[in-house]
């Protein structure tokens, strides 16, 4: 914590994974960072959290955050360990969610 403002500073060892990154309904300009084919429909924070735990990424859920491109909608986000490239981690999380859903 930053003792002056009381705000948590961004952890340099973590990637931010927004649901928008892996949402099949989003366009690339709307925030999706993986192919539509590999993405999932309406991913939920709890699914991202569970998938990241199963992948050993030590997730930290922040429910009160809004994705900057859709600032009016509080979707939350998940911080995960930096292990490889962000798009690869997002792809792995989406694949795990698809498996949990039986897709």
PDB file of N, CA and C in Angstrom:
ATOM      1  N   UNK A   1       0.845  -1.194   0.000  1.00  0.00           N
ATOM      2  CA  UNK A   1       0.000   0.000   0.000  1.00  0.00           C
ATOM      3  C   UNK A   1       0.874   1.235   0.000  1.00  0.00           C
ATOM      4  N   UNK A   2       0.404   2.211  -0.706  1.00  0.00           N
ATOM      5  CA  UNK A   2       1.061   3.497  -0.688  1.00  0.00           C
ATOM      6  C   UNK A   2       0.559   4.203   0.563  1.00  0.00           C
ATOM      7  N   UNK A   3       1.444   4.480   1.509  1.00  0.00           N
ATOM      8  CA  UNK A   3       1.003   5.010   2.793  1.00  0.00           C
ATOM      9  C   UNK A   3       0.476   6.442   2.719  1.00  0.00           C
ATOM     10  N   UNK A   4       0.712   7.140   1.610  1.00  0.00           N
ATOM     11  CA  UNK A   4       0.204   8.509   1.485  1.00  0.00           C
ATOM     12  C   UNK A   4      -1.273   8.500   1.086  1.00  0.00           C
ATOM     13  N   UNK A   5      -1.604   7.715   0.065  1.00  0.00           N
ATOM     14  CA  UNK A   5      -2.984   7.724  -0.439  1.00  0.00           C
ATOM     15  C   UNK A   5      -3.814   6.550   0.042  1.00  0.00           C
ATOM     16  N   UNK A   6      -3.167   5.490   0.532  1.00  0.00           N
ATOM     17  CA  UNK A   6      -3.901   4.303   0.952  1.00  0.00           C
ATOM     18  C   UNK A   6      -4.352   3.451  -0.219  1.00  0.00           C
ATOM     19  N   UNK A   7      -3.812   3.725  -1.403  1.00  0.00           N
ATOM     20  CA  UNK A   7      -4.192   3.009  -2.613  1.00  0.00           C
ATOM     21  C   UNK A   7      -3.169   1.919  -2.891  1.00  0.00           C
ATOM     22  N   UNK A   8      -3.652   0.751  -3.280  1.00  0.00           N
ATOM     23  CA  UNK A   8      -2.760  -0.345  -3.628  1.00  0.00           C
ATOM     24  C   UNK A   8      -2.064  -0.027  -4.945  1.00  0.00           C
ATOM     25  N   UNK A   9      -0.753  -0.099  -4.950  1.00  0.00           N
ATOM     26  CA  UNK A   9      -0.004   0.126  -6.179  1.00  0.00           C
ATOM     27  C   UNK A   9      -0.059  -1.126  -7.032  1.00  0.00           C
ATOM     28  N   UNK A  10      -0.044  -0.960  -8.358  1.00  0.00           N
ATOM     29  CA  UNK A  10      -0.112  -2.100  -9.268  1.00  0.00           C
ATOM     30  C   UNK A  10       1.093  -3.009  -9.040  1.00  0.00           C
ATOM     31  N   UNK A  11       0.812  -4.275  -8.921  1.00  0.00           N
ATOM     32  CA  UNK A  11       1.843  -5.279  -8.719  1.00  0.00           C
ATOM     33  C   UNK A  11       2.535  -5.541 -10.053  1.00  0.00           C
ATOM     34  N   UNK A  12       3.832  -5.324 -10.115  1.00  0.00           N
ATOM     35  CA  UNK A  12       4.578  -5.473 -11.362  1.00  0.00           C
ATOM     36  C   UNK A  12       4.739  -6.937 -11.778  1.00  0.00           C
ATOM     37  N   UNK A  13       4.430  -7.867 -10.888  1.00  0.00           N
ATOM     38  CA  UNK A  13       4.551  -9.292 -11.201  1.00  0.00           C
ATOM     39  C   UNK A  13       3.214  -9.900 -11.609  1.00  0.00           C
ATOM     40  N   UNK A  14       2.221  -9.074 -11.859  1.00  0.00           N
ATOM     41  CA  UNK A  14       0.878  -9.551 -12.196  1.00  0.00           C
ATOM     42  C   UNK A  14       0.395  -8.948 -13.511  1.00  0.00           C
ATOM     43  N   UNK A  15      -0.404  -9.731 -14.234  1.00  0.00           N
ATOM     44  CA  UNK A  15      -1.145  -9.231 -15.392  1.00  0.00           C
ATOM     45  C   UNK A  15      -2.574  -8.993 -14.946  1.00  0.00           C
ATOM     46  N   UNK A  16      -3.229  -8.012 -15.543  1.00  0.00           N
ATOM     47  CA  UNK A  16      -4.654  -7.773 -15.314  1.00  0.00           C
ATOM     48  C   UNK A  16      -5.406  -8.528 -16.404  1.00  0.00           C
ATOM     49  N   UNK A  17      -6.341  -9.370 -15.996  1.00  0.00           N
ATOM     50  CA  UNK A  17      -7.208 -10.075 -16.946  1.00  0.00           C
ATOM     51  C   UNK A  17      -8.633  -9.574 -16.734  1.00  0.00           C
ATOM     52  N   UNK A  18      -9.121  -8.825 -17.707  1.00  0.00           N
ATOM     53  CA  UNK A  18     -10.504  -8.342 -17.678  1.00  0.00           C
ATOM     54  C   UNK A  18     -11.375  -9.374 -18.389  1.00  0.00           C
ATOM     55  N   UNK A  19     -12.612  -9.572 -17.950  1.00  0.00           N
ATOM     56  CA  UNK A  19     -13.520 -10.468 -18.679  1.00  0.00           C
ATOM     57  C   UNK A  19     -13.627 -10.105 -20.162  1.00  0.00           C
ATOM     58  N   UNK A  20     -13.533  -8.814 -20.478  1.00  0.00           N
ATOM     59  CA  UNK A  20     -13.621  -8.357 -21.872  1.00  0.00           C
ATOM     60  C   UNK A  20     -12.546  -8.992 -22.754  1.00  0.00           C
ATOM     61  N   UNK A  21     -11.391  -9.328 -22.184  1.00  0.00           N
ATOM     62  CA  UNK A  21     -10.282  -9.902 -22.954  1.00  0.00           C
ATOM     63  C   UNK A  21     -10.627 -11.242 -23.585  1.00  0.00           C
ATOM     64  N   UNK A  22     -11.510 -11.999 -22.929  1.00  0.00           N
ATOM     65  CA  UNK A  22     -11.812 -13.357 -23.405  1.00  0.00           C
ATOM     66  C   UNK A  22     -13.287 -13.539 -23.768  1.00  0.00           C
ATOM     67  N   UNK A  23     -14.026 -12.422 -23.859  1.00  0.00           N
ATOM     68  CA  UNK A  23     -15.463 -12.477 -24.140  1.00  0.00           C
ATOM     69  C   UNK A  23     -15.721 -12.575 -25.651  1.00  0.00           C
ATOM     70  N   UNK A  24     -16.327 -13.656 -26.064  1.00  0.00           N
ATOM     71  CA  UNK A  24     -16.634 -13.904 -27.480  1.00  0.00           C
ATOM     72  C   UNK A  24     -17.493 -12.791 -28.080  1.00  0.00           C
ATOM     73  N   UNK A  25     -18.330 -12.153 -27.282  1.00  0.00           N
ATOM     74  CA  UNK A  25     -19.217 -11.109 -27.765  1.00  0.00           C
ATOM     75  C   UNK A  25     -18.532  -9.777 -28.030  1.00  0.00           C
ATOM     76  N   UNK A  26     -17.300  -9.626 -27.602  1.00  0.00           N
ATOM     77  CA  UNK A  26     -16.557  -8.385 -27.822  1.00  0.00           C
ATOM     78  C   UNK A  26     -15.792  -8.434 -29.134  1.00  0.00           C
ATOM     79  N   UNK A  27     -15.656  -7.270 -29.748  1.00  0.00           N
ATOM     80  CA  UNK A  27     -14.785  -7.149 -30.920  1.00  0.00           C
ATOM     81  C   UNK A  27     -13.358  -6.917 -30.407  1.00  0.00           C
ATOM     82  N   UNK A  28     -12.404  -6.970 -31.318  1.00  0.00           N
ATOM     83  CA  UNK A  28     -11.025  -6.648 -30.929  1.00  0.00           C
ATOM     84  C   UNK A  28     -10.955  -5.216 -30.416  1.00  0.00           C
ATOM     85  N   UNK A  29     -11.630  -4.291 -31.095  1.00  0.00           N
ATOM     86  CA  UNK A  29     -11.606  -2.893 -30.652  1.00  0.00           C
ATOM     87  C   UNK A  29     -12.381  -2.707 -29.345  1.00  0.00           C
ATOM     88  N   UNK A  30     -13.251  -3.664 -29.025  1.00  0.00           N
ATOM     89  CA  UNK A  30     -13.998  -3.624 -27.777  1.00  0.00           C
ATOM     90  C   UNK A  30     -13.249  -4.240 -26.612  1.00  0.00           C
ATOM     91  N   UNK A  31     -12.048  -4.757 -26.889  1.00  0.00           N
ATOM     92  CA  UNK A  31     -11.209  -5.250 -25.800  1.00  0.00           C
ATOM     93  C   UNK A  31     -10.776  -6.698 -25.873  1.00  0.00           C
ATOM     94  N   UNK A  32     -11.375  -7.499 -26.768  1.00  0.00           N
ATOM     95  CA  UNK A  32     -10.990  -8.916 -26.836  1.00  0.00           C
ATOM     96  C   UNK A  32      -9.557  -9.020 -27.337  1.00  0.00           C
ATOM     97  N   UNK A  33      -8.711  -9.835 -26.662  1.00  0.00           N
ATOM     98  CA  UNK A  33      -7.303  -9.950 -27.063  1.00  0.00           C
ATOM     99  C   UNK A  33      -6.959 -11.321 -27.636  1.00  0.00           C
ATOM    100  N   UNK A  34      -7.919 -12.230 -27.641  1.00  0.00           N
ATOM    101  CA  UNK A  34      -7.679 -13.546 -28.236  1.00  0.00           C
ATOM    102  C   UNK A  34      -8.696 -13.764 -29.355  1.00  0.00           C
ATOM    103  N   UNK A  35      -8.464 -14.769 -30.188  1.00  0.00           N
ATOM    104  CA  UNK A  35      -9.376 -14.995 -31.316  1.00  0.00           C
ATOM    105  C   UNK A  35     -10.781 -15.336 -30.809  1.00  0.00           C
ATOM    106  N   UNK A  36     -11.761 -14.995 -31.614  1.00  0.00           N
ATOM    107  CA  UNK A  36     -13.157 -15.277 -31.245  1.00  0.00           C
ATOM    108  C   UNK A  36     -13.353 -16.784 -31.075  1.00  0.00           C
ATOM    109  N   UNK A  37     -12.685 -17.565 -31.921  1.00  0.00           N
ATOM    110  CA  UNK A  37     -12.789 -19.018 -31.872  1.00  0.00           C
ATOM    111  C   UNK A  37     -12.347 -19.572 -30.510  1.00  0.00           C
ATOM    112  N   UNK A  38     -11.337 -18.966 -29.926  1.00  0.00           N
ATOM    113  CA  UNK A  38     -10.807 -19.450 -28.643  1.00  0.00           C
ATOM    114  C   UNK A  38     -11.438 -18.777 -27.428  1.00  0.00           C
ATOM    115  N   UNK A  39     -12.262 -17.771 -27.645  1.00  0.00           N
ATOM    116  CA  UNK A  39     -12.868 -17.045 -26.529  1.00  0.00           C
ATOM    117  C   UNK A  39     -14.153 -17.732 -26.055  1.00  0.00           C
ATOM    118  N   UNK A  40     -14.704 -17.216 -24.961  1.00  0.00           N
ATOM    119  CA  UNK A  40     -15.908 -17.814 -24.370  1.00  0.00           C
ATOM    120  C   UNK A  40     -17.018 -16.767 -24.271  1.00  0.00           C
ATOM    121  N   UNK A  41     -18.251 -17.231 -24.204  1.00  0.00           N
ATOM    122  CA  UNK A  41     -19.397 -16.344 -24.108  1.00  0.00           C
ATOM    123  C   UNK A  41     -19.586 -15.872 -22.673  1.00  0.00           C
ATOM    124  N   UNK A  42     -19.638 -14.575 -22.482  1.00  0.00           N
ATOM    125  CA  UNK A  42     -19.911 -13.939 -21.186  1.00  0.00           C
ATOM    126  C   UNK A  42     -19.158 -14.578 -20.009  1.00  0.00           C
ATOM    127  N   UNK A  43     -17.828 -14.517 -20.004  1.00  0.00           N
ATOM    128  CA  UNK A  43     -17.077 -15.092 -18.886  1.00  0.00           C
ATOM    129  C   UNK A  43     -17.359 -14.335 -17.588  1.00  0.00           C
ATOM    130  N   UNK A  44     -17.467 -15.068 -16.493  1.00  0.00           N
ATOM    131  CA  UNK A  44     -17.725 -14.458 -15.197  1.00  0.00           C
ATOM    132  C   UNK A  44     -16.440 -14.442 -14.374  1.00  0.00           C
ATOM    133  N   UNK A  45     -16.352 -13.492 -13.446  1.00  0.00           N
ATOM    134  CA  UNK A  45     -15.160 -13.379 -12.601  1.00  0.00           C
ATOM    135  C   UNK A  45     -14.842 -14.680 -11.883  1.00  0.00           C
ATOM    136  N   UNK A  46     -15.875 -15.340 -11.350  1.00  0.00           N
ATOM    137  CA  UNK A  46     -15.630 -16.573 -10.599  1.00  0.00           C
ATOM    138  C   UNK A  46     -15.057 -17.658 -11.501  1.00  0.00           C
ATOM    139  N   UNK A  47     -15.449 -17.673 -12.775  1.00  0.00           N
ATOM    140  CA  UNK A  47     -14.897 -18.651 -13.713  1.00  0.00           C
ATOM    141  C   UNK A  47     -13.430 -18.336 -14.018  1.00  0.00           C
ATOM    142  N   UNK A  48     -13.131 -17.060 -14.215  1.00  0.00           N
ATOM    143  CA  UNK A  48     -11.753 -16.660 -14.475  1.00  0.00           C
ATOM    144  C   UNK A  48     -10.887 -16.980 -13.264  1.00  0.00           C
ATOM    145  N   UNK A  49     -11.397 -16.695 -12.074  1.00  0.00           N
ATOM    146  CA  UNK A  49     -10.681 -16.979 -10.825  1.00  0.00           C
ATOM    147  C   UNK A  49     -10.397 -18.474 -10.701  1.00  0.00           C
ATOM    148  N   UNK A  50     -11.413 -19.293 -10.909  1.00  0.00           N
ATOM    149  CA  UNK A  50     -11.251 -20.746 -10.787  1.00  0.00           C
ATOM    150  C   UNK A  50     -10.264 -21.287 -11.822  1.00  0.00           C
ATOM    151  N   UNK A  51     -10.382 -20.829 -13.062  1.00  0.00           N
ATOM    152  CA  UNK A  51      -9.481 -21.274 -14.127  1.00  0.00           C
ATOM    153  C   UNK A  51      -8.042 -20.880 -13.801  1.00  0.00           C
ATOM    154  N   UNK A  52      -7.848 -19.650 -13.330  1.00  0.00           N
ATOM    155  CA  UNK A  52      -6.502 -19.178 -12.994  1.00  0.00           C
ATOM    156  C   UNK A  52      -5.922 -19.975 -11.822  1.00  0.00           C
ATOM    157  N   UNK A  53      -6.774 -20.331 -10.854  1.00  0.00           N
ATOM    158  CA  UNK A  53      -6.304 -21.168  -9.730  1.00  0.00           C
ATOM    159  C   UNK A  53      -5.850 -22.529 -10.238  1.00  0.00           C
ATOM    160  N   UNK A  54      -6.650 -23.132 -11.119  1.00  0.00           N
ATOM    161  CA  UNK A  54      -6.303 -24.448 -11.663  1.00  0.00           C
ATOM    162  C   UNK A  54      -5.029 -24.399 -12.499  1.00  0.00           C
ATOM    163  N   UNK A  55      -4.729 -23.232 -13.075  1.00  0.00           N
ATOM    164  CA  UNK A  55      -3.513 -23.064 -13.866  1.00  0.00           C
ATOM    165  C   UNK A  55      -2.318 -22.647 -13.000  1.00  0.00           C
ATOM    166  N   UNK A  56      -2.558 -22.490 -11.693  1.00  0.00           N
ATOM    167  CA  UNK A  56      -1.485 -22.126 -10.768  1.00  0.00           C
ATOM    168  C   UNK A  56      -1.013 -20.689 -10.906  1.00  0.00           C
ATOM    169  N   UNK A  57      -1.923 -19.777 -11.258  1.00  0.00           N
ATOM    170  CA  UNK A  57      -1.558 -18.381 -11.510  1.00  0.00           C
ATOM    171  C   UNK A  57      -1.806 -17.444 -10.324  1.00  0.00           C
ATOM    172  N   UNK A  58      -2.141 -17.988  -9.162  1.00  0.00           N
ATOM    173  CA  UNK A  58      -2.357 -17.198  -7.943  1.00  0.00           C
ATOM    174  C   UNK A  58      -3.227 -15.957  -8.181  1.00  0.00           C
ATOM    175  N   UNK A  59      -4.487 -16.164  -8.583  1.00  0.00           N
ATOM    176  CA  UNK A  59      -5.344 -15.020  -8.919  1.00  0.00           C
ATOM    177  C   UNK A  59      -5.762 -14.182  -7.715  1.00  0.00           C
ATOM    178  N   UNK A  60      -5.942 -12.893  -7.969  1.00  0.00           N
ATOM    179  CA  UNK A  60      -6.481 -11.953  -6.988  1.00  0.00           C
ATOM    180  C   UNK A  60      -7.658 -11.271  -7.674  1.00  0.00           C
ATOM    181  N   UNK A  61      -8.876 -11.458  -7.135  1.00  0.00           N
ATOM    182  CA  UNK A  61     -10.081 -10.891  -7.736  1.00  0.00           C
ATOM    183  C   UNK A  61     -10.333  -9.493  -7.187  1.00  0.00           C
ATOM    184  N   UNK A  62     -10.599  -8.554  -8.093  1.00  0.00           N
ATOM    185  CA  UNK A  62     -10.981  -7.197  -7.720  1.00  0.00           C
ATOM    186  C   UNK A  62     -12.351  -6.938  -8.348  1.00  0.00           C
ATOM    187  N   UNK A  63     -13.403  -7.147  -7.560  1.00  0.00           N
ATOM    188  CA  UNK A  63     -14.782  -7.088  -8.064  1.00  0.00           C
ATOM    189  C   UNK A  63     -15.267  -5.684  -8.389  1.00  0.00           C
ATOM    190  N   UNK A  64     -14.679  -4.678  -7.786  1.00  0.00           N
ATOM    191  CA  UNK A  64     -15.203  -3.311  -7.895  1.00  0.00           C
ATOM    192  C   UNK A  64     -14.582  -2.489  -9.019  1.00  0.00           C
ATOM    193  N   UNK A  65     -13.915  -3.126  -9.966  1.00  0.00           N
ATOM    194  CA  UNK A  65     -13.242  -2.401 -11.046  1.00  0.00           C
ATOM    195  C   UNK A  65     -14.063  -2.422 -12.329  1.00  0.00           C
ATOM    196  N   UNK A  66     -13.933  -1.354 -13.110  1.00  0.00           N
ATOM    197  CA  UNK A  66     -14.625  -1.249 -14.397  1.00  0.00           C
ATOM    198  C   UNK A  66     -13.588  -1.171 -15.511  1.00  0.00           C
ATOM    199  N   UNK A  67     -13.802  -1.945 -16.563  1.00  0.00           N
ATOM    200  CA  UNK A  67     -12.912  -1.934 -17.719  1.00  0.00           C
ATOM    201  C   UNK A  67     -12.952  -0.542 -18.339  1.00  0.00           C
ATOM    202  N   UNK A  68     -11.799   0.090 -18.576  1.00  0.00           N
ATOM    203  CA  UNK A  68     -11.794   1.471 -19.061  1.00  0.00           C
ATOM    204  C   UNK A  68     -12.619   1.737 -20.320  1.00  0.00           C
ATOM    205  N   UNK A  69     -12.689   0.784 -21.254  1.00  0.00           N
ATOM    206  CA  UNK A  69     -13.472   1.003 -22.476  1.00  0.00           C
ATOM    207  C   UNK A  69     -14.976   0.948 -22.219  1.00  0.00           C
ATOM    208  N   UNK A  70     -15.382   0.343 -21.118  1.00  0.00           N
ATOM    209  CA  UNK A  70     -16.798   0.345 -20.724  1.00  0.00           C
ATOM    210  C   UNK A  70     -16.872   0.738 -19.249  1.00  0.00           C
ATOM    211  N   UNK A  71     -16.416   1.954 -18.955  1.00  0.00           N
ATOM    212  CA  UNK A  71     -16.268   2.461 -17.596  1.00  0.00           C
ATOM    213  C   UNK A  71     -17.560   2.477 -16.791  1.00  0.00           C
ATOM    214  N   UNK A  72     -18.702   2.499 -17.475  1.00  0.00           N
ATOM    215  CA  UNK A  72     -19.994   2.553 -16.799  1.00  0.00           C
ATOM    216  C   UNK A  72     -20.438   1.184 -16.273  1.00  0.00           C
ATOM    217  N   UNK A  73     -19.764   0.137 -16.695  1.00  0.00           N
ATOM    218  CA  UNK A  73     -20.142  -1.228 -16.325  1.00  0.00           C
ATOM    219  C   UNK A  73     -19.055  -1.849 -15.438  1.00  0.00           C
ATOM    220  N   UNK A  74     -19.383  -2.090 -14.175  1.00  0.00           N
ATOM    221  CA  UNK A  74     -18.415  -2.671 -13.252  1.00  0.00           C
ATOM    222  C   UNK A  74     -18.392  -4.186 -13.463  1.00  0.00           C
ATOM    223  N   UNK A  75     -17.343  -4.637 -14.147  1.00  0.00           N
ATOM    224  CA  UNK A  75     -17.231  -6.062 -14.477  1.00  0.00           C
ATOM    225  C   UNK A  75     -16.261  -6.783 -13.560  1.00  0.00           C
ATOM    226  N   UNK A  76     -15.382  -6.022 -12.905  1.00  0.00           N
ATOM    227  CA  UNK A  76     -14.337  -6.607 -12.093  1.00  0.00           C
ATOM    228  C   UNK A  76     -13.173  -7.064 -12.954  1.00  0.00           C
ATOM    229  N   UNK A  77     -12.094  -7.484 -12.299  1.00  0.00           N
ATOM    230  CA  UNK A  77     -10.918  -7.976 -13.003  1.00  0.00           C
ATOM    231  C   UNK A  77     -10.188  -8.963 -12.116  1.00  0.00           C
ATOM    232  N   UNK A  78      -9.291  -9.717 -12.724  1.00  0.00           N
ATOM    233  CA  UNK A  78      -8.504 -10.699 -11.979  1.00  0.00           C
ATOM    234  C   UNK A  78      -7.030 -10.439 -12.269  1.00  0.00           C
ATOM    235  N   UNK A  79      -6.240 -10.346 -11.217  1.00  0.00           N
ATOM    236  CA  UNK A  79      -4.794 -10.215 -11.360  1.00  0.00           C
ATOM    237  C   UNK A  79      -4.203 -11.614 -11.292  1.00  0.00           C
ATOM    238  N   UNK A  80      -3.320 -11.929 -12.232  1.00  0.00           N
ATOM    239  CA  UNK A  80      -2.689 -13.260 -12.260  1.00  0.00           C
ATOM    240  C   UNK A  80      -1.176 -13.096 -12.402  1.00  0.00           C
ATOM    241  N   UNK A  81      -0.440 -14.120 -11.988  1.00  0.00           N
ATOM    242  CA  UNK A  81       1.014 -14.102 -12.102  1.00  0.00           C
ATOM    243  C   UNK A  81       1.440 -13.973 -13.553  1.00  0.00           C
ATOM    244  N   UNK A  82       2.516 -13.230 -13.772  1.00  0.00           N
ATOM    245  CA  UNK A  82       3.096 -13.110 -15.116  1.00  0.00           C
ATOM    246  C   UNK A  82       3.893 -14.375 -15.395  1.00  0.00           C
ATOM    247  N   UNK A  83       3.343 -15.221 -16.222  1.00  0.00           N
ATOM    248  CA  UNK A  83       4.030 -16.455 -16.633  1.00  0.00           C
ATOM    249  C   UNK A  83       3.848 -16.599 -18.129  1.00  0.00           C
ATOM    250  N   UNK A  84       4.678 -15.926 -18.899  1.00  0.00           N
ATOM    251  CA  UNK A  84       4.527 -15.937 -20.344  1.00  0.00           C
ATOM    252  C   UNK A  84       3.850 -14.681 -20.822  1.00  0.00           C
ATOM    253  N   UNK A  85       3.379 -14.726 -22.060  1.00  0.00           N
ATOM    254  CA  UNK A  85       2.724 -13.544 -22.637  1.00  0.00           C
ATOM    255  C   UNK A  85       1.266 -13.468 -22.197  1.00  0.00           C
ATOM    256  N   UNK A  86       0.767 -12.256 -22.091  1.00  0.00           N
ATOM    257  CA  UNK A  86      -0.595 -12.027 -21.604  1.00  0.00           C
ATOM    258  C   UNK A  86      -1.639 -12.734 -22.458  1.00  0.00           C
ATOM    259  N   UNK A  87      -1.487 -12.646 -23.790  1.00  0.00           N
ATOM    260  CA  UNK A  87      -2.487 -13.276 -24.659  1.00  0.00           C
ATOM    261  C   UNK A  87      -2.480 -14.794 -24.490  1.00  0.00           C
ATOM    262  N   UNK A  88      -1.325 -15.381 -24.235  1.00  0.00           N
ATOM    263  CA  UNK A  88      -1.244 -16.826 -23.997  1.00  0.00           C
ATOM    264  C   UNK A  88      -1.940 -17.224 -22.711  1.00  0.00           C
ATOM    265  N   UNK A  89      -1.769 -16.410 -21.676  1.00  0.00           N
ATOM    266  CA  UNK A  89      -2.445 -16.675 -20.397  1.00  0.00           C
ATOM    267  C   UNK A  89      -3.955 -16.527 -20.579  1.00  0.00           C
ATOM    268  N   UNK A  90      -4.379 -15.483 -21.289  1.00  0.00           N
ATOM    269  CA  UNK A  90      -5.810 -15.281 -21.543  1.00  0.00           C
ATOM    270  C   UNK A  90      -6.385 -16.469 -22.312  1.00  0.00           C
ATOM    271  N   UNK A  91      -5.641 -16.957 -23.295  1.00  0.00           N
ATOM    272  CA  UNK A  91      -6.072 -18.115 -24.088  1.00  0.00           C
ATOM    273  C   UNK A  91      -6.207 -19.356 -23.196  1.00  0.00           C
ATOM    274  N   UNK A  92      -5.225 -19.578 -22.318  1.00  0.00           N
ATOM    275  CA  UNK A  92      -5.276 -20.721 -21.399  1.00  0.00           C
ATOM    276  C   UNK A  92      -6.475 -20.635 -20.458  1.00  0.00           C
ATOM    277  N   UNK A  93      -6.743 -19.436 -19.950  1.00  0.00           N
ATOM    278  CA  UNK A  93      -7.888 -19.239 -19.056  1.00  0.00           C
ATOM    279  C   UNK A  93      -9.190 -19.511 -19.803  1.00  0.00           C
ATOM    280  N   UNK A  94      -9.316 -19.002 -21.016  1.00  0.00           N
ATOM    281  CA  UNK A  94     -10.530 -19.230 -21.814  1.00  0.00           C
ATOM    282  C   UNK A  94     -10.708 -20.725 -22.113  1.00  0.00           C
ATOM    283  N   UNK A  95      -9.625 -21.405 -22.449  1.00  0.00           N
ATOM    284  CA  UNK A  95      -9.690 -22.851 -22.729  1.00  0.00           C
ATOM    285  C   UNK A  95     -10.146 -23.603 -21.474  1.00  0.00           C
ATOM    286  N   UNK A  96      -9.636 -23.222 -20.322  1.00  0.00           N
ATOM    287  CA  UNK A  96     -10.005 -23.876 -19.063  1.00  0.00           C
ATOM    288  C   UNK A  96     -11.484 -23.628 -18.752  1.00  0.00           C
ATOM    289  N   UNK A  97     -11.953 -22.389 -18.981  1.00  0.00           N
ATOM    290  CA  UNK A  97     -13.372 -22.078 -18.740  1.00  0.00           C
ATOM    291  C   UNK A  97     -14.243 -22.912 -19.680  1.00  0.00           C
ATOM    292  N   UNK A  98     -13.854 -23.009 -20.939  1.00  0.00           N
ATOM    293  CA  UNK A  98     -14.592 -23.845 -21.907  1.00  0.00           C
ATOM    294  C   UNK A  98     -14.667 -25.279 -21.434  1.00  0.00           C
ATOM    295  N   UNK A  99     -13.574 -25.786 -20.897  1.00  0.00           N
ATOM    296  CA  UNK A  99     -13.556 -27.154 -20.367  1.00  0.00           C
ATOM    297  C   UNK A  99     -14.462 -27.316 -19.157  1.00  0.00           C
ATOM    298  N   UNK A 100     -14.489 -26.303 -18.291  1.00  0.00           N
ATOM    299  CA  UNK A 100     -15.352 -26.348 -17.099  1.00  0.00           C
ATOM    300  C   UNK A 100     -16.824 -26.317 -17.499  1.00  0.00           C
ATOM    301  N   UNK A 101     -17.119 -25.623 -18.590  1.00  0.00           N
ATOM    302  CA  UNK A 101     -18.503 -25.523 -19.080  1.00  0.00           C
ATOM    303  C   UNK A 101     -18.879 -26.723 -19.948  1.00  0.00           C
ATOM    304  N   UNK A 102     -17.904 -27.542 -20.299  1.00  0.00           N
ATOM    305  CA  UNK A 102     -18.178 -28.694 -21.145  1.00  0.00           C
ATOM    306  C   UNK A 102     -18.309 -28.345 -22.611  1.00  0.00           C
ATOM    307  N   UNK A 103     -17.627 -27.278 -23.032  1.00  0.00           N
ATOM    308  CA  UNK A 103     -17.699 -26.837 -24.436  1.00  0.00           C
ATOM    309  C   UNK A 103     -16.568 -27.441 -25.235  1.00  0.00           C
TER     310      UNK A 103
END
